[in-house]
Amino acid sequence: MISTADVYHVVAATVPLYFAMILAYISVRWWKLFTPDQCAGINKFVAKFSIPLLSFQVISSINPYKMNLKLIFADFLQKLLALLVLTALAKISSRGRLDWIITGLSLSTLPNTLILGLPLLRAMYGAEAEPLLSQIVGLQSLIWYNLLLFLFELNATKEATVAPSSETTGDQEALQESQYKEGEEVHSRTTRKVKAMLILLKVGKKLMSNPNLYATMVALIWASIHFRWGVKLPDIVDKSIVILSTGGLGMAMFSLGMTIYHQQINTPS
């Protein structure tokens, strides 16, 4: 039975995160403490440094020689089933689209395990839950987030081919004659195979510029070395990582609060 103390521990672990998010929202909306450029800089710092270093700290604590295979298989299976069900629903429905699959997969199987999951599970189950969650975070960073990135780029490419930009639409009539003459050449270049290669190249560039992917791979390599031979990081390196990753949770929620405000003002009413 859940006791009052258990509820308090969960609330005490999650409320500070939402406090950081609310504080950021108030700071931008009413106090006007940050300009849009400053908000963009904070968001980039979180994406390029705080979260990758936090991922490294969490994933490097995994013992790859003592992985919970049942947990990994169960996590992989439930995400795969969700992907298949969402794909089938999108095919059956007359209004089904690829962004339905992306949104459904994100909401149903990819909760924010790194930012919110760690303090929440620590409060609910204690320190023994952290190694299990670290394994799920590592699997998500290697496979599922990259799959989502591929689906995002595929969806963006489809929308770009269906809906031309306003500038292109404005010049369309002036270029109709030249487009007609070059129609055969353009048609031959835009085959499915070429489109697939372009999408793969674009996704590859996105992955190569994603610091979280590098952090995950380096963390797994280091964990293999550490748990195999007992080698430890030098104190200078370890403390440098800790000092940035420790503030990663708060900075991520602070960045989320600013993002929520900017999405509200940019969304047409």
C-alpha atoms as a PDB file:
ATOM      1  CA  MET A   1       0.000   0.000   0.000  1.00  0.00           C
ATOM      2  CA  ILE A   2       1.222   3.485  -0.890  1.00  0.00           C
ATOM      3  CA  SER A   3       1.893   5.509   2.235  1.00  0.00           C
ATOM      4  CA  THR A   4       1.794   9.254   2.762  1.00  0.00           C
ATOM      5  CA  ALA A   5       5.579   9.268   3.009  1.00  0.00           C
ATOM      6  CA  ASP A   6       5.867   7.652  -0.444  1.00  0.00           C
ATOM      7  CA  VAL A   7       3.598  10.311  -1.941  1.00  0.00           C
ATOM      8  CA  TYR A   8       5.644  13.034  -0.277  1.00  0.00           C
ATOM      9  CA  HIS A   9       8.903  11.627  -1.669  1.00  0.00           C
ATOM     10  CA  VAL A  10       7.468  11.621  -5.207  1.00  0.00           C
ATOM     11  CA  VAL A  11       6.149  15.175  -4.852  1.00  0.00           C
ATOM     12  CA  ALA A  12       9.427  16.352  -3.344  1.00  0.00           C
ATOM     13  CA  ALA A  13      11.332  14.870  -6.289  1.00  0.00           C
ATOM     14  CA  THR A  14       9.149  16.285  -9.081  1.00  0.00           C
ATOM     15  CA  VAL A  15       7.956  19.688  -7.840  1.00  0.00           C
ATOM     16  CA  PRO A  16      11.452  21.292  -7.975  1.00  0.00           C
ATOM     17  CA  LEU A  17      11.686  20.361 -11.657  1.00  0.00           C
ATOM     18  CA  TYR A  18       8.368  22.013 -12.450  1.00  0.00           C
ATOM     19  CA  PHE A  19       9.377  24.988 -10.311  1.00  0.00           C
ATOM     20  CA  ALA A  20      12.318  25.556 -12.665  1.00  0.00           C
ATOM     21  CA  MET A  21       9.995  25.337 -15.678  1.00  0.00           C
ATOM     22  CA  ILE A  22       7.437  27.760 -14.185  1.00  0.00           C
ATOM     23  CA  LEU A  23      10.194  30.166 -13.142  1.00  0.00           C
ATOM     24  CA  ALA A  24      11.504  30.245 -16.716  1.00  0.00           C
ATOM     25  CA  TYR A  25       8.009  30.857 -18.100  1.00  0.00           C
ATOM     26  CA  ILE A  26       7.430  33.766 -15.689  1.00  0.00           C
ATOM     27  CA  SER A  27      10.904  35.180 -16.355  1.00  0.00           C
ATOM     28  CA  VAL A  28      10.255  35.380 -20.079  1.00  0.00           C
ATOM     29  CA  ARG A  29       6.579  36.300 -20.177  1.00  0.00           C
ATOM     30  CA  TRP A  30       6.161  38.835 -17.373  1.00  0.00           C
ATOM     31  CA  TRP A  31       9.603  39.793 -16.106  1.00  0.00           C
ATOM     32  CA  LYS A  32      11.152  40.018 -19.607  1.00  0.00           C
ATOM     33  CA  LEU A  33      14.531  38.929 -18.267  1.00  0.00           C
ATOM     34  CA  PHE A  34      15.603  37.067 -21.405  1.00  0.00           C
ATOM     35  CA  THR A  35      15.527  38.110 -25.040  1.00  0.00           C
ATOM     36  CA  PRO A  36      14.725  35.544 -27.759  1.00  0.00           C
ATOM     37  CA  ASP A  37      18.424  35.338 -28.634  1.00  0.00           C
ATOM     38  CA  GLN A  38      19.329  34.650 -25.015  1.00  0.00           C
ATOM     39  CA  CYS A  39      16.630  31.969 -24.813  1.00  0.00           C
ATOM     40  CA  ALA A  40      18.031  30.360 -27.951  1.00  0.00           C
ATOM     41  CA  GLY A  41      21.493  30.399 -26.380  1.00  0.00           C
ATOM     42  CA  ILE A  42      20.234  28.704 -23.214  1.00  0.00           C
ATOM     43  CA  ASN A  43      18.407  26.074 -25.269  1.00  0.00           C
ATOM     44  CA  LYS A  44      21.550  25.381 -27.280  1.00  0.00           C
ATOM     45  CA  PHE A  45      23.649  25.072 -24.115  1.00  0.00           C
ATOM     46  CA  VAL A  46      21.192  22.514 -22.742  1.00  0.00           C
ATOM     47  CA  ALA A  47      21.083  20.538 -26.004  1.00  0.00           C
ATOM     48  CA  LYS A  48      24.827  20.609 -26.687  1.00  0.00           C
ATOM     49  CA  PHE A  49      26.300  20.286 -23.183  1.00  0.00           C
ATOM     50  CA  SER A  50      23.962  19.678 -20.233  1.00  0.00           C
ATOM     51  CA  ILE A  51      21.875  16.797 -21.579  1.00  0.00           C
ATOM     52  CA  PRO A  52      24.742  14.953 -23.359  1.00  0.00           C
ATOM     53  CA  LEU A  53      26.894  15.116 -20.221  1.00  0.00           C
ATOM     54  CA  LEU A  54      23.968  13.998 -18.082  1.00  0.00           C
ATOM     55  CA  SER A  55      23.425  11.096 -20.496  1.00  0.00           C
ATOM     56  CA  PHE A  56      27.098  10.197 -20.250  1.00  0.00           C
ATOM     57  CA  GLN A  57      26.988  10.237 -16.450  1.00  0.00           C
ATOM     58  CA  VAL A  58      23.890   8.033 -16.318  1.00  0.00           C
ATOM     59  CA  ILE A  59      24.787   5.556 -19.069  1.00  0.00           C
ATOM     60  CA  SER A  60      28.416   5.159 -17.988  1.00  0.00           C
ATOM     61  CA  SER A  61      27.125   3.762 -14.689  1.00  0.00           C
ATOM     62  CA  ILE A  62      25.656   0.753 -16.553  1.00  0.00           C
ATOM     63  CA  ASN A  63      27.529  -2.510 -16.176  1.00  0.00           C
ATOM     64  CA  PRO A  64      27.305  -3.888 -19.748  1.00  0.00           C
ATOM     65  CA  TYR A  65      28.337  -7.327 -18.512  1.00  0.00           C
ATOM     66  CA  LYS A  66      25.355  -7.548 -16.158  1.00  0.00           C
ATOM     67  CA  MET A  67      22.552  -6.174 -18.290  1.00  0.00           C
ATOM     68  CA  ASN A  68      18.985  -7.151 -17.453  1.00  0.00           C
ATOM     69  CA  LEU A  69      18.095  -8.912 -20.699  1.00  0.00           C
ATOM     70  CA  LYS A  70      14.468  -9.424 -19.698  1.00  0.00           C
ATOM     71  CA  LEU A  71      14.034  -5.702 -19.110  1.00  0.00           C
ATOM     72  CA  ILE A  72      15.720  -4.799 -22.395  1.00  0.00           C
ATOM     73  CA  PHE A  73      13.643  -7.304 -24.350  1.00  0.00           C
ATOM     74  CA  ALA A  74      10.402  -6.144 -22.705  1.00  0.00           C
ATOM     75  CA  ASP A  75      11.199  -2.497 -23.408  1.00  0.00           C
ATOM     76  CA  PHE A  76      12.130  -3.240 -27.020  1.00  0.00           C
ATOM     77  CA  LEU A  77       9.035  -5.387 -27.558  1.00  0.00           C
ATOM     78  CA  GLN A  78       6.549  -2.845 -26.194  1.00  0.00           C
ATOM     79  CA  LYS A  79       8.038  -0.060 -28.336  1.00  0.00           C
ATOM     80  CA  LEU A  80       8.009  -2.279 -31.421  1.00  0.00           C
ATOM     81  CA  LEU A  81       4.376  -3.285 -30.830  1.00  0.00           C
ATOM     82  CA  ALA A  82       3.399   0.364 -30.338  1.00  0.00           C
ATOM     83  CA  LEU A  83       5.116   1.275 -33.611  1.00  0.00           C
ATOM     84  CA  LEU A  84       3.335  -1.513 -35.508  1.00  0.00           C
ATOM     85  CA  VAL A  85      -0.079  -0.639 -34.031  1.00  0.00           C
ATOM     86  CA  LEU A  86       0.327   3.064 -34.787  1.00  0.00           C
ATOM     87  CA  THR A  87       1.459   2.291 -38.334  1.00  0.00           C
ATOM     88  CA  ALA A  88      -1.545   0.020 -38.879  1.00  0.00           C
ATOM     89  CA  LEU A  89      -3.943   2.672 -37.538  1.00  0.00           C
ATOM     90  CA  ALA A  90      -2.391   5.313 -39.778  1.00  0.00           C
ATOM     91  CA  LYS A  91      -2.829   3.020 -42.797  1.00  0.00           C
ATOM     92  CA  ILE A  92      -6.426   2.136 -41.943  1.00  0.00           C
ATOM     93  CA  SER A  93      -7.580   5.673 -41.154  1.00  0.00           C
ATOM     94  CA  SER A  94      -8.355   7.923 -44.095  1.00  0.00           C
ATOM     95  CA  ARG A  95      -6.732  10.821 -42.235  1.00  0.00           C
ATOM     96  CA  GLY A  96      -3.746   8.866 -40.987  1.00  0.00           C
ATOM     97  CA  ARG A  97      -0.413  10.587 -41.485  1.00  0.00           C
ATOM     98  CA  LEU A  98       3.197  10.001 -40.588  1.00  0.00           C
ATOM     99  CA  ASP A  99       3.173  12.698 -37.913  1.00  0.00           C
ATOM    100  CA  TRP A 100       0.457  10.677 -36.135  1.00  0.00           C
ATOM    101  CA  ILE A 101       2.942   7.820 -35.798  1.00  0.00           C
ATOM    102  CA  ILE A 102       5.684  10.160 -34.566  1.00  0.00           C
ATOM    103  CA  THR A 103       3.472  11.809 -31.949  1.00  0.00           C
ATOM    104  CA  GLY A 104       1.890   8.543 -30.822  1.00  0.00           C
ATOM    105  CA  LEU A 105       5.239   6.784 -30.482  1.00  0.00           C
ATOM    106  CA  SER A 106       6.714   9.687 -28.533  1.00  0.00           C
ATOM    107  CA  LEU A 107       3.807   9.923 -26.097  1.00  0.00           C
ATOM    108  CA  SER A 108       3.205   6.213 -25.576  1.00  0.00           C
ATOM    109  CA  THR A 109       6.708   4.762 -25.393  1.00  0.00           C
ATOM    110  CA  LEU A 110       9.290   7.543 -25.072  1.00  0.00           C
ATOM    111  CA  PRO A 111       8.517   9.494 -21.897  1.00  0.00           C
ATOM    112  CA  ASN A 112      11.174  11.789 -20.512  1.00  0.00           C
ATOM    113  CA  THR A 113      13.037   9.050 -18.686  1.00  0.00           C
ATOM    114  CA  LEU A 114      16.260  11.017 -18.348  1.00  0.00           C
ATOM    115  CA  ILE A 115      14.973  14.333 -16.974  1.00  0.00           C
ATOM    116  CA  LEU A 116      11.838  13.353 -15.067  1.00  0.00           C
ATOM    117  CA  GLY A 117      12.239   9.581 -14.784  1.00  0.00           C
ATOM    118  CA  LEU A 118      15.447   9.557 -12.743  1.00  0.00           C
ATOM    119  CA  PRO A 119      14.288  11.652  -9.770  1.00  0.00           C
ATOM    120  CA  LEU A 120      10.817  10.095  -9.909  1.00  0.00           C
ATOM    121  CA  LEU A 121      12.000   6.482  -9.761  1.00  0.00           C
ATOM    122  CA  ARG A 122      14.603   7.295  -7.119  1.00  0.00           C
ATOM    123  CA  ALA A 123      11.818   8.637  -4.917  1.00  0.00           C
ATOM    124  CA  MET A 124       9.503   5.688  -5.622  1.00  0.00           C
ATOM    125  CA  TYR A 125      11.867   2.703  -5.535  1.00  0.00           C
ATOM    126  CA  GLY A 126      15.163   3.954  -4.166  1.00  0.00           C
ATOM    127  CA  ALA A 127      18.661   3.879  -5.617  1.00  0.00           C
ATOM    128  CA  GLU A 128      18.309   0.299  -6.907  1.00  0.00           C
ATOM    129  CA  ALA A 129      15.948   1.503  -9.660  1.00  0.00           C
ATOM    130  CA  GLU A 130      18.547   3.801 -11.213  1.00  0.00           C
ATOM    131  CA  PRO A 131      20.653   1.082 -12.938  1.00  0.00           C
ATOM    132  CA  LEU A 132      17.526  -0.360 -14.564  1.00  0.00           C
ATOM    133  CA  LEU A 133      16.432   3.041 -15.832  1.00  0.00           C
ATOM    134  CA  SER A 134      19.944   3.725 -17.102  1.00  0.00           C
ATOM    135  CA  GLN A 135      19.713   0.665 -19.342  1.00  0.00           C
ATOM    136  CA  ILE A 136      16.440   1.929 -20.842  1.00  0.00           C
ATOM    137  CA  VAL A 137      17.931   5.401 -21.371  1.00  0.00           C
ATOM    138  CA  GLY A 138      20.910   3.896 -23.188  1.00  0.00           C
ATOM    139  CA  LEU A 139      18.699   1.816 -25.472  1.00  0.00           C
ATOM    140  CA  GLN A 140      16.490   4.793 -26.264  1.00  0.00           C
ATOM    141  CA  SER A 141      19.461   7.016 -27.087  1.00  0.00           C
ATOM    142  CA  LEU A 142      20.988   4.452 -29.432  1.00  0.00           C
ATOM    143  CA  ILE A 143      17.886   3.179 -31.252  1.00  0.00           C
ATOM    144  CA  TRP A 144      14.570   4.897 -30.672  1.00  0.00           C
ATOM    145  CA  TYR A 145      15.572   8.563 -30.693  1.00  0.00           C
ATOM    146  CA  ASN A 146      17.473   7.969 -33.927  1.00  0.00           C
ATOM    147  CA  LEU A 147      14.423   6.237 -35.390  1.00  0.00           C
ATOM    148  CA  LEU A 148      12.306   9.258 -34.449  1.00  0.00           C
ATOM    149  CA  LEU A 149      14.851  11.531 -36.103  1.00  0.00           C
ATOM    150  CA  PHE A 150      14.555   9.489 -39.296  1.00  0.00           C
ATOM    151  CA  LEU A 151      10.746   9.711 -39.184  1.00  0.00           C
ATOM    152  CA  PHE A 152      10.907  13.466 -38.581  1.00  0.00           C
ATOM    153  CA  GLU A 153      13.120  13.982 -41.626  1.00  0.00           C
ATOM    154  CA  LEU A 154      10.945  11.685 -43.734  1.00  0.00           C
ATOM    155  CA  ASN A 155       7.842  13.626 -42.730  1.00  0.00           C
ATOM    156  CA  ALA A 156       9.526  16.975 -43.412  1.00  0.00           C
ATOM    157  CA  THR A 157      10.618  15.788 -46.852  1.00  0.00           C
ATOM    158  CA  LYS A 158       7.100  14.646 -47.736  1.00  0.00           C
ATOM    159  CA  GLU A 159       5.583  17.941 -46.609  1.00  0.00           C
ATOM    160  CA  ALA A 160       8.173  19.890 -48.583  1.00  0.00           C
ATOM    161  CA  THR A 161       7.319  18.035 -51.780  1.00  0.00           C
ATOM    162  CA  VAL A 162       3.557  18.407 -51.277  1.00  0.00           C
ATOM    163  CA  ALA A 163       3.417  22.004 -50.080  1.00  0.00           C
ATOM    164  CA  PRO A 164       5.828  24.377 -51.837  1.00  0.00           C
ATOM    165  CA  SER A 165       6.953  27.516 -50.083  1.00  0.00           C
ATOM    166  CA  SER A 166       5.273  30.892 -50.649  1.00  0.00           C
ATOM    167  CA  GLU A 167       8.242  32.215 -52.596  1.00  0.00           C
ATOM    168  CA  THR A 168       8.185  29.224 -54.882  1.00  0.00           C
ATOM    169  CA  THR A 169       4.426  29.603 -55.348  1.00  0.00           C
ATOM    170  CA  GLY A 170       4.839  33.271 -56.195  1.00  0.00           C
ATOM    171  CA  ASP A 171       7.413  32.528 -58.875  1.00  0.00           C
ATOM    172  CA  GLN A 172       5.645  29.448 -60.191  1.00  0.00           C
ATOM    173  CA  GLU A 173       3.750  31.183 -62.974  1.00  0.00           C
ATOM    174  CA  ALA A 174       6.888  32.949 -64.198  1.00  0.00           C
ATOM    175  CA  LEU A 175       8.762  29.666 -64.384  1.00  0.00           C
ATOM    176  CA  GLN A 176       6.040  27.461 -65.839  1.00  0.00           C
ATOM    177  CA  GLU A 177       7.539  27.369 -69.306  1.00  0.00           C
ATOM    178  CA  SER A 178      11.040  26.477 -68.162  1.00  0.00           C
ATOM    179  CA  GLN A 179       9.668  23.941 -65.687  1.00  0.00           C
ATOM    180  CA  TYR A 180       7.706  22.278 -68.462  1.00  0.00           C
ATOM    181  CA  LYS A 181      10.811  21.911 -70.585  1.00  0.00           C
ATOM    182  CA  GLU A 182      12.786  20.470 -67.716  1.00  0.00           C
ATOM    183  CA  GLY A 183       9.929  18.287 -66.507  1.00  0.00           C
ATOM    184  CA  GLU A 184      11.326  15.050 -67.832  1.00  0.00           C
ATOM    185  CA  GLU A 185      14.733  15.659 -66.316  1.00  0.00           C
ATOM    186  CA  VAL A 186      13.311  16.593 -62.907  1.00  0.00           C
ATOM    187  CA  HIS A 187      10.995  13.595 -62.965  1.00  0.00           C
ATOM    188  CA  SER A 188      13.858  11.217 -63.661  1.00  0.00           C
ATOM    189  CA  ARG A 189      15.889  12.627 -60.763  1.00  0.00           C
ATOM    190  CA  THR A 190      13.124  12.429 -58.186  1.00  0.00           C
ATOM    191  CA  THR A 191      12.639   8.720 -58.111  1.00  0.00           C
ATOM    192  CA  ARG A 192      11.954   6.900 -54.876  1.00  0.00           C
ATOM    193  CA  LYS A 193      15.464   5.579 -54.699  1.00  0.00           C
ATOM    194  CA  VAL A 194      17.003   9.027 -54.986  1.00  0.00           C
ATOM    195  CA  LYS A 195      14.583  10.433 -52.409  1.00  0.00           C
ATOM    196  CA  ALA A 196      15.438   7.634 -50.015  1.00  0.00           C
ATOM    197  CA  MET A 197      19.156   8.315 -50.432  1.00  0.00           C
ATOM    198  CA  LEU A 198      18.637  12.031 -49.838  1.00  0.00           C
ATOM    199  CA  ILE A 199      16.660  11.319 -46.682  1.00  0.00           C
ATOM    200  CA  LEU A 200      19.332   8.926 -45.423  1.00  0.00           C
ATOM    201  CA  LEU A 201      22.058  11.473 -46.110  1.00  0.00           C
ATOM    202  CA  LYS A 202      20.122  14.184 -44.303  1.00  0.00           C
ATOM    203  CA  VAL A 203      19.476  11.924 -41.335  1.00  0.00           C
ATOM    204  CA  GLY A 204      23.139  10.946 -41.316  1.00  0.00           C
ATOM    205  CA  LYS A 205      24.157  14.601 -41.123  1.00  0.00           C
ATOM    206  CA  LYS A 206      21.691  15.172 -38.287  1.00  0.00           C
ATOM    207  CA  LEU A 207      23.050  12.196 -36.394  1.00  0.00           C
ATOM    208  CA  MET A 208      26.638  13.303 -36.914  1.00  0.00           C
ATOM    209  CA  SER A 209      25.767  16.688 -35.401  1.00  0.00           C
ATOM    210  CA  ASN A 210      23.886  15.165 -32.454  1.00  0.00           C
ATOM    211  CA  PRO A 211      26.123  15.342 -29.353  1.00  0.00           C
ATOM    212  CA  ASN A 212      23.832  13.051 -27.366  1.00  0.00           C
ATOM    213  CA  LEU A 213      24.610  10.176 -29.745  1.00  0.00           C
ATOM    214  CA  TYR A 214      28.340  10.650 -29.205  1.00  0.00           C
ATOM    215  CA  ALA A 215      27.812  10.910 -25.444  1.00  0.00           C
ATOM    216  CA  THR A 216      25.882   7.631 -25.449  1.00  0.00           C
ATOM    217  CA  MET A 217      28.476   5.757 -27.500  1.00  0.00           C
ATOM    218  CA  VAL A 218      31.412   7.083 -25.480  1.00  0.00           C
ATOM    219  CA  ALA A 219      29.580   6.266 -22.242  1.00  0.00           C
ATOM    220  CA  LEU A 220      28.996   2.657 -23.314  1.00  0.00           C
ATOM    221  CA  ILE A 221      32.621   2.264 -24.397  1.00  0.00           C
ATOM    222  CA  TRP A 222      33.865   3.741 -21.139  1.00  0.00           C
ATOM    223  CA  ALA A 223      31.488   1.572 -19.096  1.00  0.00           C
ATOM    224  CA  SER A 224      32.878  -1.514 -20.859  1.00  0.00           C
ATOM    225  CA  ILE A 225      36.414  -0.473 -19.966  1.00  0.00           C
ATOM    226  CA  HIS A 226      35.572   0.566 -16.407  1.00  0.00           C
ATOM    227  CA  PHE A 227      33.676  -2.583 -15.429  1.00  0.00           C
ATOM    228  CA  ARG A 228      36.112  -4.869 -17.256  1.00  0.00           C
ATOM    229  CA  TRP A 229      39.432  -3.587 -15.905  1.00  0.00           C
ATOM    230  CA  GLY A 230      38.359  -1.306 -13.046  1.00  0.00           C
ATOM    231  CA  VAL A 231      39.811   1.822 -14.630  1.00  0.00           C
ATOM    232  CA  LYS A 232      38.410   5.083 -13.250  1.00  0.00           C
ATOM    233  CA  LEU A 233      38.137   8.514 -14.795  1.00  0.00           C
ATOM    234  CA  PRO A 234      40.710  11.051 -13.598  1.00  0.00           C
ATOM    235  CA  ASP A 235      39.287  13.321 -10.914  1.00  0.00           C
ATOM    236  CA  ILE A 236      39.685  16.392 -13.133  1.00  0.00           C
ATOM    237  CA  VAL A 237      37.605  14.839 -15.915  1.00  0.00           C
ATOM    238  CA  ASP A 238      35.053  13.327 -13.556  1.00  0.00           C
ATOM    239  CA  LYS A 239      34.453  16.561 -11.643  1.00  0.00           C
ATOM    240  CA  SER A 240      34.266  18.559 -14.877  1.00  0.00           C
ATOM    241  CA  ILE A 241      31.494  16.271 -16.108  1.00  0.00           C
ATOM    242  CA  VAL A 242      29.674  16.250 -12.774  1.00  0.00           C
ATOM    243  CA  ILE A 243      29.655  20.038 -12.390  1.00  0.00           C
ATOM    244  CA  LEU A 244      27.869  20.444 -15.731  1.00  0.00           C
ATOM    245  CA  SER A 245      25.652  17.377 -15.627  1.00  0.00           C
ATOM    246  CA  THR A 246      24.420  18.097 -12.101  1.00  0.00           C
ATOM    247  CA  GLY A 247      22.668  21.218 -13.335  1.00  0.00           C
ATOM    248  CA  GLY A 248      21.399  19.415 -16.424  1.00  0.00           C
ATOM    249  CA  LEU A 249      17.994  18.568 -14.950  1.00  0.00           C
ATOM    250  CA  GLY A 250      17.253  22.101 -13.809  1.00  0.00           C
ATOM    251  CA  MET A 251      18.574  23.680 -16.998  1.00  0.00           C
ATOM    252  CA  ALA A 252      16.523  21.315 -19.147  1.00  0.00           C
ATOM    253  CA  MET A 253      13.301  22.181 -17.318  1.00  0.00           C
ATOM    254  CA  PHE A 254      14.188  25.891 -17.393  1.00  0.00           C
ATOM    255  CA  SER A 255      14.727  25.636 -21.138  1.00  0.00           C
ATOM    256  CA  LEU A 256      11.396  23.828 -21.482  1.00  0.00           C
ATOM    257  CA  GLY A 257       9.583  26.685 -19.730  1.00  0.00           C
ATOM    258  CA  MET A 258      11.016  29.231 -22.164  1.00  0.00           C
ATOM    259  CA  THR A 259      10.165  27.001 -25.110  1.00  0.00           C
ATOM    260  CA  ILE A 260       6.538  26.705 -23.978  1.00  0.00           C
ATOM    261  CA  TYR A 261       6.188  30.498 -23.902  1.00  0.00           C
ATOM    262  CA  HIS A 262       7.716  30.992 -27.352  1.00  0.00           C
ATOM    263  CA  GLN A 263       5.509  28.279 -28.821  1.00  0.00           C
ATOM    264  CA  GLN A 264       2.452  30.048 -27.438  1.00  0.00           C
ATOM    265  CA  ILE A 265       3.312  33.401 -28.985  1.00  0.00           C
ATOM    266  CA  ASN A 266       4.271  31.795 -32.309  1.00  0.00           C
ATOM    267  CA  THR A 267       1.122  29.659 -32.565  1.00  0.00           C
ATOM    268  CA  PRO A 268      -1.597  31.431 -34.606  1.00  0.00           C
ATOM    269  CA  SER A 269      -4.846  31.865 -32.697  1.00  0.00           C
END
